[in-house]
N, C-alpha and C. Protein backbone atom coordinates (compact mmCIF):
# COMPACT_ATOMS: atom_id res chain seq x y z
N MET A 1 -8.46 -113.53 -1.15
CA MET A 1 -8.43 -113.31 0.27
C MET A 1 -7.80 -111.96 0.59
N ILE A 2 -6.80 -111.59 -0.15
CA ILE A 2 -6.12 -110.33 0.09
C ILE A 2 -7.04 -109.13 -0.20
N PRO A 3 -7.82 -109.12 -1.31
CA PRO A 3 -8.70 -107.98 -1.53
C PRO A 3 -9.72 -107.79 -0.40
N ALA A 4 -10.20 -108.87 0.18
CA ALA A 4 -11.16 -108.75 1.28
C ALA A 4 -10.50 -108.10 2.49
N ARG A 5 -9.26 -108.45 2.76
CA ARG A 5 -8.55 -107.84 3.90
C ARG A 5 -8.31 -106.36 3.66
N ILE A 6 -7.99 -106.01 2.43
CA ILE A 6 -7.78 -104.60 2.11
C ILE A 6 -9.09 -103.83 2.27
N ALA A 7 -10.19 -104.40 1.80
CA ALA A 7 -11.49 -103.74 1.93
C ALA A 7 -11.87 -103.58 3.39
N GLN A 8 -11.61 -104.60 4.21
CA GLN A 8 -11.92 -104.50 5.64
C GLN A 8 -11.05 -103.46 6.32
N ALA A 9 -9.82 -103.33 5.88
CA ALA A 9 -8.93 -102.34 6.49
C ALA A 9 -9.33 -100.91 6.10
N LEU A 10 -9.83 -100.73 4.89
CA LEU A 10 -10.19 -99.40 4.41
C LEU A 10 -11.59 -98.96 4.81
N ALA A 11 -12.45 -99.90 5.20
CA ALA A 11 -13.85 -99.58 5.49
C ALA A 11 -14.01 -98.50 6.56
N PRO A 12 -13.36 -98.58 7.72
CA PRO A 12 -13.55 -97.51 8.72
C PRO A 12 -13.06 -96.15 8.23
N TRP A 13 -11.97 -96.14 7.50
CA TRP A 13 -11.42 -94.90 6.97
C TRP A 13 -12.39 -94.28 5.95
N LEU A 14 -12.92 -95.11 5.04
CA LEU A 14 -13.87 -94.61 4.05
C LEU A 14 -15.17 -94.14 4.69
N PHE A 15 -15.61 -94.84 5.73
CA PHE A 15 -16.83 -94.41 6.41
C PHE A 15 -16.60 -93.07 7.11
N GLY A 16 -15.40 -92.87 7.65
CA GLY A 16 -15.06 -91.58 8.26
C GLY A 16 -15.08 -90.45 7.25
N ILE A 17 -14.58 -90.74 6.05
CA ILE A 17 -14.63 -89.73 4.99
C ILE A 17 -16.07 -89.43 4.61
N CYS A 18 -16.89 -90.47 4.52
CA CYS A 18 -18.32 -90.27 4.23
C CYS A 18 -18.99 -89.43 5.31
N LEU A 19 -18.65 -89.68 6.57
CA LEU A 19 -19.22 -88.89 7.66
C LEU A 19 -18.82 -87.43 7.54
N ASP A 20 -17.56 -87.17 7.18
CA ASP A 20 -17.11 -85.80 7.01
C ASP A 20 -17.83 -85.11 5.86
N MET A 21 -18.05 -85.86 4.78
CA MET A 21 -18.65 -85.25 3.59
C MET A 21 -20.18 -85.13 3.70
N PHE A 22 -20.82 -86.19 4.19
CA PHE A 22 -22.28 -86.24 4.17
C PHE A 22 -22.93 -86.06 5.53
N GLY A 23 -22.17 -86.11 6.59
CA GLY A 23 -22.73 -86.00 7.93
C GLY A 23 -23.58 -87.22 8.27
N ILE A 24 -24.73 -86.95 8.86
CA ILE A 24 -25.61 -88.04 9.31
C ILE A 24 -26.17 -88.84 8.13
N LYS A 25 -26.15 -88.24 6.94
CA LYS A 25 -26.64 -88.95 5.76
C LYS A 25 -25.76 -90.15 5.41
N ALA A 26 -24.55 -90.18 5.94
CA ALA A 26 -23.66 -91.33 5.71
C ALA A 26 -24.25 -92.59 6.32
N LEU A 27 -24.99 -92.46 7.40
CA LEU A 27 -25.66 -93.63 7.99
C LEU A 27 -26.71 -94.18 7.05
N TRP A 28 -27.45 -93.29 6.39
CA TRP A 28 -28.43 -93.73 5.41
C TRP A 28 -27.74 -94.41 4.23
N LEU A 29 -26.61 -93.86 3.82
CA LEU A 29 -25.84 -94.47 2.73
C LEU A 29 -25.39 -95.87 3.12
N SER A 30 -24.87 -96.01 4.32
CA SER A 30 -24.40 -97.31 4.80
C SER A 30 -25.57 -98.30 4.91
N SER A 31 -26.69 -97.84 5.43
CA SER A 31 -27.86 -98.71 5.55
C SER A 31 -28.38 -99.14 4.19
N THR A 32 -28.39 -98.23 3.24
CA THR A 32 -28.87 -98.54 1.90
C THR A 32 -27.97 -99.56 1.21
N ILE A 33 -26.66 -99.41 1.38
CA ILE A 33 -25.73 -100.37 0.79
C ILE A 33 -25.92 -101.75 1.42
N GLY A 34 -26.07 -101.79 2.74
CA GLY A 34 -26.29 -103.08 3.42
C GLY A 34 -27.59 -103.73 3.01
N LEU A 35 -28.65 -102.94 2.91
CA LEU A 35 -29.94 -103.48 2.49
C LEU A 35 -29.88 -103.98 1.05
N GLY A 36 -29.20 -103.23 0.20
CA GLY A 36 -29.05 -103.66 -1.19
C GLY A 36 -28.29 -104.97 -1.30
N ALA A 37 -27.23 -105.10 -0.51
CA ALA A 37 -26.45 -106.34 -0.53
C ALA A 37 -27.31 -107.52 -0.05
N THR A 38 -28.13 -107.27 0.97
CA THR A 38 -29.01 -108.33 1.48
C THR A 38 -30.02 -108.75 0.42
N LEU A 39 -30.60 -107.78 -0.27
CA LEU A 39 -31.57 -108.10 -1.32
C LEU A 39 -30.92 -108.87 -2.46
N VAL A 40 -29.70 -108.53 -2.81
CA VAL A 40 -28.99 -109.27 -3.86
C VAL A 40 -28.75 -110.70 -3.43
N LEU A 41 -28.42 -110.91 -2.16
CA LEU A 41 -28.20 -112.28 -1.67
C LEU A 41 -29.49 -113.10 -1.72
N PHE A 42 -30.64 -112.45 -1.52
CA PHE A 42 -31.91 -113.17 -1.59
C PHE A 42 -32.26 -113.57 -3.02
N THR A 43 -31.66 -112.93 -4.01
CA THR A 43 -31.97 -113.29 -5.39
C THR A 43 -31.17 -114.48 -5.89
N ILE A 44 -30.17 -114.89 -5.13
CA ILE A 44 -29.36 -116.05 -5.52
C ILE A 44 -30.19 -117.32 -5.29
N PRO A 45 -30.36 -118.12 -6.32
CA PRO A 45 -31.17 -119.33 -6.14
C PRO A 45 -30.48 -120.33 -5.21
N LEU A 46 -31.29 -121.01 -4.44
CA LEU A 46 -30.77 -122.03 -3.54
C LEU A 46 -30.51 -123.31 -4.32
N VAL A 47 -29.41 -123.95 -4.01
CA VAL A 47 -29.06 -125.22 -4.65
C VAL A 47 -29.24 -126.30 -3.59
N THR A 48 -30.05 -127.25 -3.89
CA THR A 48 -30.28 -128.35 -2.95
C THR A 48 -29.63 -129.62 -3.49
N ASN A 49 -29.19 -130.43 -2.59
CA ASN A 49 -28.61 -131.71 -2.98
C ASN A 49 -29.73 -132.72 -3.16
N ARG A 50 -29.89 -133.16 -4.37
CA ARG A 50 -30.93 -134.16 -4.66
C ARG A 50 -30.26 -135.51 -4.83
N GLN A 51 -30.75 -136.45 -4.07
CA GLN A 51 -30.22 -137.80 -4.22
C GLN A 51 -31.08 -138.56 -5.22
N ARG A 52 -30.42 -139.24 -6.12
CA ARG A 52 -31.16 -139.95 -7.16
C ARG A 52 -31.39 -141.36 -6.80
């Protein structure tokens, strides 16, 4: 739980650094990371509860 809070606290700061370094391309970087995470979530197999 603590690592997630640290990541959430650092995210705006890191995105600001990306904006300074890459400019508008930082939005593409952010979009690509989000799309990649979504695609990875779609590869996780669904587990259904089967009653015997």
